[in-house]
Structure formats: C-alpha cells, structure tokens
Amino acid sequence: MADSIRIRANIFGEILDHAKSEPLTECCGLLAGHDAIIDTIVRARNSLESATVYEISPKELFRLFREMREQGLTHLGQYHSHLSSHNVPSPTDIEQAGYPDQAYFIVSLRPDARKPVRAFAIRDGSVRELEIVCVEECEGQRLTQSAQSKAKKRKPENL
C-alpha cells in the first residue's frame, strides 16, 4: 500500500458529518471509488450499538459489497469513529483489521483532536499512518488540495 490515500474533499466532510450525527455510538462505513480515489461513502450500521467498538453485520457487509460491485465501485477503505479517545487504531482495531490493502480512517470526536480524521494501513499487526490527500474536480481535471492552493495564488495576467 502507498504512503498516501486520495479522497474527494466532500467525502472527507461526509465522514466527519456521519461521526457527528452519532455522538453516542461509534459510526462506521465503507469507502469506495474509482482510479484509486475515494469518491463514495457507504454508511453502515454499527450492529453492536456500542460507544467503544463497532461491527458491520456480515449480512449488511455482504449487501454493501454487492451494491458497490453493481455500481462499478472499488472498495478502497473503511472508517469508524472514536468518541472520546484519540484517533489511532485500538488493539481491537488492529486485531480485527481484515483488509490489509485498504485504508482505515478513524475519526476522533474529541474537541482537542489536532487532526479529527486520520488514515492508517494495518497489516499483520503493524500500523502505519497514511497521508490523506484531498482531491477536487477542476474543469474536468483532478487537482490535489495543494495544487489548488497554488493555482488560486497565481493571478491571471492581462485581465
């Protein structure tokens, strides 16, 4: 897995919104897209209805993967929230990580979280943080957030 994961800015916002909409339960869901860019959020139900752990029921997971496949989407990651702890993988998150080639996004609802959303690669018990690169559409071309910033700083000449 690469050292970064690309995601549309609106999806990044939707992950945060989902976590904020479930302040008493860890939210969870899948992330999918095209061309290695996450452009679709697939909300799921935490079947454990817990504030400290999450699980997507096997029946729902099967249905969600079937729907993604029918829509031509590629599974690129999953996400969940931590209500009162920092957004680093817990021992349970590491133990249950079953998708070594996908990113694990974790949202922290702590008001003091420096980065409320972080992403990790988890493989064989090892954890590595991934850089999250927000990607936007701009006149049919994809631009990263940093490229957009540079483009906005440049002023058109002779206008």
C-alpha atoms as a PDB file:
ATOM      1  CA  MET A   1       0.000   0.000   0.000  1.00  0.00           C
ATOM      2  CA  ALA A   2       1.209   3.513  -0.837  1.00  0.00           C
ATOM      3  CA  ASP A   3       2.081   6.095   1.807  1.00  0.00           C
ATOM      4  CA  SER A   4      -0.972   8.205   0.974  1.00  0.00           C
ATOM      5  CA  ILE A   5      -4.651   7.789   0.195  1.00  0.00           C
ATOM      6  CA  ARG A   6      -6.615  10.082  -2.126  1.00  0.00           C
ATOM      7  CA  ILE A   7     -10.130  11.167  -1.224  1.00  0.00           C
ATOM      8  CA  ARG A   8     -12.612  13.714  -2.551  1.00  0.00           C
ATOM      9  CA  ALA A   9     -12.973  16.651  -0.155  1.00  0.00           C
ATOM     10  CA  ASN A  10     -16.764  16.256   0.020  1.00  0.00           C
ATOM     11  CA  ILE A  11     -16.378  12.618   1.138  1.00  0.00           C
ATOM     12  CA  PHE A  12     -13.906  13.698   3.818  1.00  0.00           C
ATOM     13  CA  GLY A  13     -16.632  16.062   5.081  1.00  0.00           C
ATOM     14  CA  GLU A  14     -19.296  13.339   4.930  1.00  0.00           C
ATOM     15  CA  ILE A  15     -17.193  11.057   7.134  1.00  0.00           C
ATOM     16  CA  LEU A  16     -16.975  13.829   9.742  1.00  0.00           C
ATOM     17  CA  ASP A  17     -20.710  14.538   9.432  1.00  0.00           C
ATOM     18  CA  HIS A  18     -21.547  10.855   9.947  1.00  0.00           C
ATOM     19  CA  ALA A  19     -19.442  10.709  13.117  1.00  0.00           C
ATOM     20  CA  LYS A  20     -21.024  13.895  14.483  1.00  0.00           C
ATOM     21  CA  SER A  21     -24.517  12.558  13.753  1.00  0.00           C
ATOM     22  CA  GLU A  22     -23.882   9.554  16.015  1.00  0.00           C
ATOM     23  CA  PRO A  23     -22.295  11.070  19.133  1.00  0.00           C
ATOM     24  CA  LEU A  24     -23.211   8.138  21.400  1.00  0.00           C
ATOM     25  CA  THR A  25     -22.216   5.232  19.137  1.00  0.00           C
ATOM     26  CA  GLU A  26     -19.113   4.544  17.058  1.00  0.00           C
ATOM     27  CA  CYS A  27     -20.198   5.193  13.488  1.00  0.00           C
ATOM     28  CA  CYS A  28     -18.842   3.010  10.700  1.00  0.00           C
ATOM     29  CA  GLY A  29     -18.925   2.517   6.973  1.00  0.00           C
ATOM     30  CA  LEU A  30     -17.078   1.624   3.804  1.00  0.00           C
ATOM     31  CA  LEU A  31     -15.229   3.857   1.362  1.00  0.00           C
ATOM     32  CA  ALA A  32     -15.179   3.177  -2.348  1.00  0.00           C
ATOM     33  CA  GLY A  33     -14.237   4.839  -5.576  1.00  0.00           C
ATOM     34  CA  HIS A  34     -12.612   4.780  -8.969  1.00  0.00           C
ATOM     35  CA  ASP A  35      -8.986   5.058 -10.111  1.00  0.00           C
ATOM     36  CA  ALA A  36      -7.692   4.761  -6.510  1.00  0.00           C
ATOM     37  CA  ILE A  37      -9.605   7.883  -5.424  1.00  0.00           C
ATOM     38  CA  ILE A  38     -12.261   7.572  -2.731  1.00  0.00           C
ATOM     39  CA  ASP A  39     -15.363   9.255  -4.131  1.00  0.00           C
ATOM     40  CA  THR A  40     -18.162   7.328  -2.414  1.00  0.00           C
ATOM     41  CA  ILE A  41     -19.104   6.845   1.224  1.00  0.00           C
ATOM     42  CA  VAL A  42     -21.227   3.839   2.133  1.00  0.00           C
ATOM     43  CA  ARG A  43     -22.663   4.347   5.591  1.00  0.00           C
ATOM     44  CA  ALA A  44     -23.244   1.234   7.662  1.00  0.00           C
ATOM     45  CA  ARG A  45     -24.970   0.445  10.943  1.00  0.00           C
ATOM     46  CA  ASN A  46     -22.880  -0.410  13.990  1.00  0.00           C
ATOM     47  CA  SER A  47     -24.600  -3.681  14.822  1.00  0.00           C
ATOM     48  CA  LEU A  48     -23.045  -3.621  18.314  1.00  0.00           C
ATOM     49  CA  GLU A  49     -24.577  -0.189  19.056  1.00  0.00           C
ATOM     50  CA  SER A  50     -21.523   0.498  21.211  1.00  0.00           C
ATOM     51  CA  ALA A  51     -19.614   3.616  22.175  1.00  0.00           C
ATOM     52  CA  THR A  52     -16.301   1.734  22.242  1.00  0.00           C
ATOM     53  CA  VAL A  53     -16.365  -0.868  19.441  1.00  0.00           C
ATOM     54  CA  TYR A  54     -18.031  -1.300  16.076  1.00  0.00           C
ATOM     55  CA  GLU A  55     -19.047  -4.086  13.770  1.00  0.00           C
ATOM     56  CA  ILE A  56     -20.889  -4.227  10.482  1.00  0.00           C
ATOM     57  CA  SER A  57     -23.056  -7.330  10.490  1.00  0.00           C
ATOM     58  CA  PRO A  58     -21.993  -9.982   7.948  1.00  0.00           C
ATOM     59  CA  LYS A  59     -25.397  -9.753   6.228  1.00  0.00           C
ATOM     60  CA  GLU A  60     -25.128  -5.968   5.808  1.00  0.00           C
ATOM     61  CA  LEU A  61     -21.475  -6.188   4.747  1.00  0.00           C
ATOM     62  CA  PHE A  62     -22.368  -8.726   2.052  1.00  0.00           C
ATOM     63  CA  ARG A  63     -25.190  -6.464   0.803  1.00  0.00           C
ATOM     64  CA  LEU A  64     -22.947  -3.366   0.750  1.00  0.00           C
ATOM     65  CA  PHE A  65     -20.175  -5.131  -1.168  1.00  0.00           C
ATOM     66  CA  ARG A  66     -22.726  -6.437  -3.692  1.00  0.00           C
ATOM     67  CA  GLU A  67     -24.121  -2.900  -4.183  1.00  0.00           C
ATOM     68  CA  MET A  68     -20.626  -1.450  -4.640  1.00  0.00           C
ATOM     69  CA  ARG A  69     -19.799  -4.127  -7.204  1.00  0.00           C
ATOM     70  CA  GLU A  70     -23.065  -3.452  -9.106  1.00  0.00           C
ATOM     71  CA  GLN A  71     -22.156   0.258  -9.235  1.00  0.00           C
ATOM     72  CA  GLY A  72     -18.673  -0.473 -10.563  1.00  0.00           C
ATOM     73  CA  LEU A  73     -17.008   0.799  -7.386  1.00  0.00           C
ATOM     74  CA  THR A  74     -13.785  -0.499  -5.864  1.00  0.00           C
ATOM     75  CA  HIS A  75     -13.534  -0.979  -2.098  1.00  0.00           C
ATOM     76  CA  LEU A  76     -10.729   1.375  -1.002  1.00  0.00           C
ATOM     77  CA  GLY A  77     -11.211   1.664   2.741  1.00  0.00           C
ATOM     78  CA  GLN A  78     -13.407   1.741   5.790  1.00  0.00           C
ATOM     79  CA  TYR A  79     -13.974   4.217   8.575  1.00  0.00           C
ATOM     80  CA  HIS A  80     -15.219   4.418  12.113  1.00  0.00           C
ATOM     81  CA  SER A  81     -15.236   6.913  14.953  1.00  0.00           C
ATOM     82  CA  HIS A  82     -13.693   7.061  18.392  1.00  0.00           C
ATOM     83  CA  LEU A  83     -15.990   9.045  20.651  1.00  0.00           C
ATOM     84  CA  SER A  84     -13.664  10.013  23.467  1.00  0.00           C
ATOM     85  CA  SER A  85     -10.252   8.621  22.581  1.00  0.00           C
ATOM     86  CA  HIS A  86      -7.637   9.708  20.095  1.00  0.00           C
ATOM     87  CA  ASN A  87      -7.997   8.528  16.514  1.00  0.00           C
ATOM     88  CA  VAL A  88      -5.318   5.880  16.489  1.00  0.00           C
ATOM     89  CA  PRO A  89      -6.111   2.204  15.978  1.00  0.00           C
ATOM     90  CA  SER A  90      -7.021   0.482  19.229  1.00  0.00           C
ATOM     91  CA  PRO A  91      -5.745  -3.025  19.985  1.00  0.00           C
ATOM     92  CA  THR A  92      -9.194  -4.293  18.910  1.00  0.00           C
ATOM     93  CA  ASP A  93      -8.997  -2.309  15.639  1.00  0.00           C
ATOM     94  CA  ILE A  94      -5.600  -3.855  14.901  1.00  0.00           C
ATOM     95  CA  GLU A  95      -6.664  -7.375  15.823  1.00  0.00           C
ATOM     96  CA  GLN A  96      -9.814  -7.236  13.692  1.00  0.00           C
ATOM     97  CA  ALA A  97      -8.291  -5.481  10.666  1.00  0.00           C
ATOM     98  CA  GLY A  98      -9.209  -7.756   7.786  1.00  0.00           C
ATOM     99  CA  TYR A  99      -8.404  -5.614   4.753  1.00  0.00           C
ATOM    100  CA  PRO A 100      -4.611  -5.180   4.560  1.00  0.00           C
ATOM    101  CA  ASP A 101      -4.748  -3.415   1.181  1.00  0.00           C
ATOM    102  CA  GLN A 102      -7.317  -0.787   2.178  1.00  0.00           C
ATOM    103  CA  ALA A 103      -7.083   2.317   4.339  1.00  0.00           C
ATOM    104  CA  TYR A 104      -8.617   2.545   7.802  1.00  0.00           C
ATOM    105  CA  PHE A 105      -9.956   6.032   8.511  1.00  0.00           C
ATOM    106  CA  ILE A 106     -10.586   6.901  12.148  1.00  0.00           C
ATOM    107  CA  VAL A 107     -12.491   9.988  13.278  1.00  0.00           C
ATOM    108  CA  SER A 108     -11.978  11.474  16.724  1.00  0.00           C
ATOM    109  CA  LEU A 109     -14.837  13.454  18.218  1.00  0.00           C
ATOM    110  CA  ARG A 110     -12.540  14.889  20.883  1.00  0.00           C
ATOM    111  CA  PRO A 111     -12.622  18.694  20.756  1.00  0.00           C
ATOM    112  CA  ASP A 112      -8.822  18.779  21.200  1.00  0.00           C
ATOM    113  CA  ALA A 113      -8.081  16.466  18.247  1.00  0.00           C
ATOM    114  CA  ARG A 114      -5.316  18.050  16.150  1.00  0.00           C
ATOM    115  CA  LYS A 115      -6.419  16.055  13.109  1.00  0.00           C
ATOM    116  CA  PRO A 116     -10.028  14.896  13.529  1.00  0.00           C
ATOM    117  CA  VAL A 117      -9.646  12.360  10.696  1.00  0.00           C
ATOM    118  CA  ARG A 118      -6.596  10.162  10.229  1.00  0.00           C
ATOM    119  CA  ALA A 119      -5.956   7.171   7.978  1.00  0.00           C
ATOM    120  CA  PHE A 120      -3.856   4.080   8.579  1.00  0.00           C
ATOM    121  CA  ALA A 121      -2.589   0.981   6.829  1.00  0.00           C
ATOM    122  CA  ILE A 122      -2.920  -2.061   9.099  1.00  0.00           C
ATOM    123  CA  ARG A 123      -1.197  -5.273   8.058  1.00  0.00           C
ATOM    124  CA  ASP A 124      -0.203  -8.263  10.175  1.00  0.00           C
ATOM    125  CA  GLY A 125      -0.456  -6.262  13.399  1.00  0.00           C
ATOM    126  CA  SER A 126       1.658  -3.372  12.082  1.00  0.00           C
ATOM    127  CA  VAL A 127       0.197   0.111  11.820  1.00  0.00           C
ATOM    128  CA  ARG A 128       1.404   2.908   9.550  1.00  0.00           C
ATOM    129  CA  GLU A 129      -0.226   6.312   9.230  1.00  0.00           C
ATOM    130  CA  LEU A 130      -1.152   7.379   5.703  1.00  0.00           C
ATOM    131  CA  GLU A 131      -1.162  10.905   4.342  1.00  0.00           C
ATOM    132  CA  ILE A 132      -4.703  11.927   3.370  1.00  0.00           C
ATOM    133  CA  VAL A 133      -4.688  13.806   0.065  1.00  0.00           C
ATOM    134  CA  CYS A 134      -7.912  15.679  -0.691  1.00  0.00           C
ATOM    135  CA  VAL A 135      -8.706  15.742  -4.406  1.00  0.00           C
ATOM    136  CA  GLU A 136     -11.123  18.068  -6.200  1.00  0.00           C
ATOM    137  CA  GLU A 137     -12.576  18.262  -9.669  1.00  0.00           C
ATOM    138  CA  CYS A 138     -11.496  21.330 -11.597  1.00  0.00           C
ATOM    139  CA  GLU A 139     -12.574  21.750 -15.215  1.00  0.00           C
ATOM    140  CA  GLY A 140     -12.584  18.002 -15.731  1.00  0.00           C
ATOM    141  CA  GLN A 141      -9.160  17.535 -14.176  1.00  0.00           C
ATOM    142  CA  ARG A 142      -8.309  16.264 -10.729  1.00  0.00           C
ATOM    143  CA  LEU A 143      -6.287  18.600  -8.564  1.00  0.00           C
ATOM    144  CA  THR A 144      -4.945  17.892  -5.111  1.00  0.00           C
ATOM    145  CA  GLN A 145      -5.654  20.392  -2.371  1.00  0.00           C
ATOM    146  CA  SER A 146      -2.057  21.672  -2.521  1.00  0.00           C
ATOM    147  CA  ALA A 147      -2.241  22.109  -6.306  1.00  0.00           C
ATOM    148  CA  GLN A 148      -5.488  24.061  -5.910  1.00  0.00           C
ATOM    149  CA  SER A 149      -3.871  26.343  -3.349  1.00  0.00           C
ATOM    150  CA  LYS A 150      -1.029  27.092  -5.761  1.00  0.00           C
ATOM    151  CA  ALA A 151      -3.485  27.703  -8.611  1.00  0.00           C
ATOM    152  CA  LYS A 152      -5.515  30.142  -6.506  1.00  0.00           C
ATOM    153  CA  LYS A 153      -2.367  32.076  -5.515  1.00  0.00           C
ATOM    154  CA  ARG A 154      -1.442  32.656  -9.153  1.00  0.00           C
ATOM    155  CA  LYS A 155      -3.172  35.695 -10.614  1.00  0.00           C
ATOM    156  CA  PRO A 156      -4.193  35.683 -14.271  1.00  0.00           C
ATOM    157  CA  GLU A 157      -2.175  38.139 -16.325  1.00  0.00           C
ATOM    158  CA  ASN A 158      -3.700  40.774 -18.621  1.00  0.00           C
ATOM    159  CA  LEU A 159      -7.232  40.677 -17.176  1.00  0.00           C
END
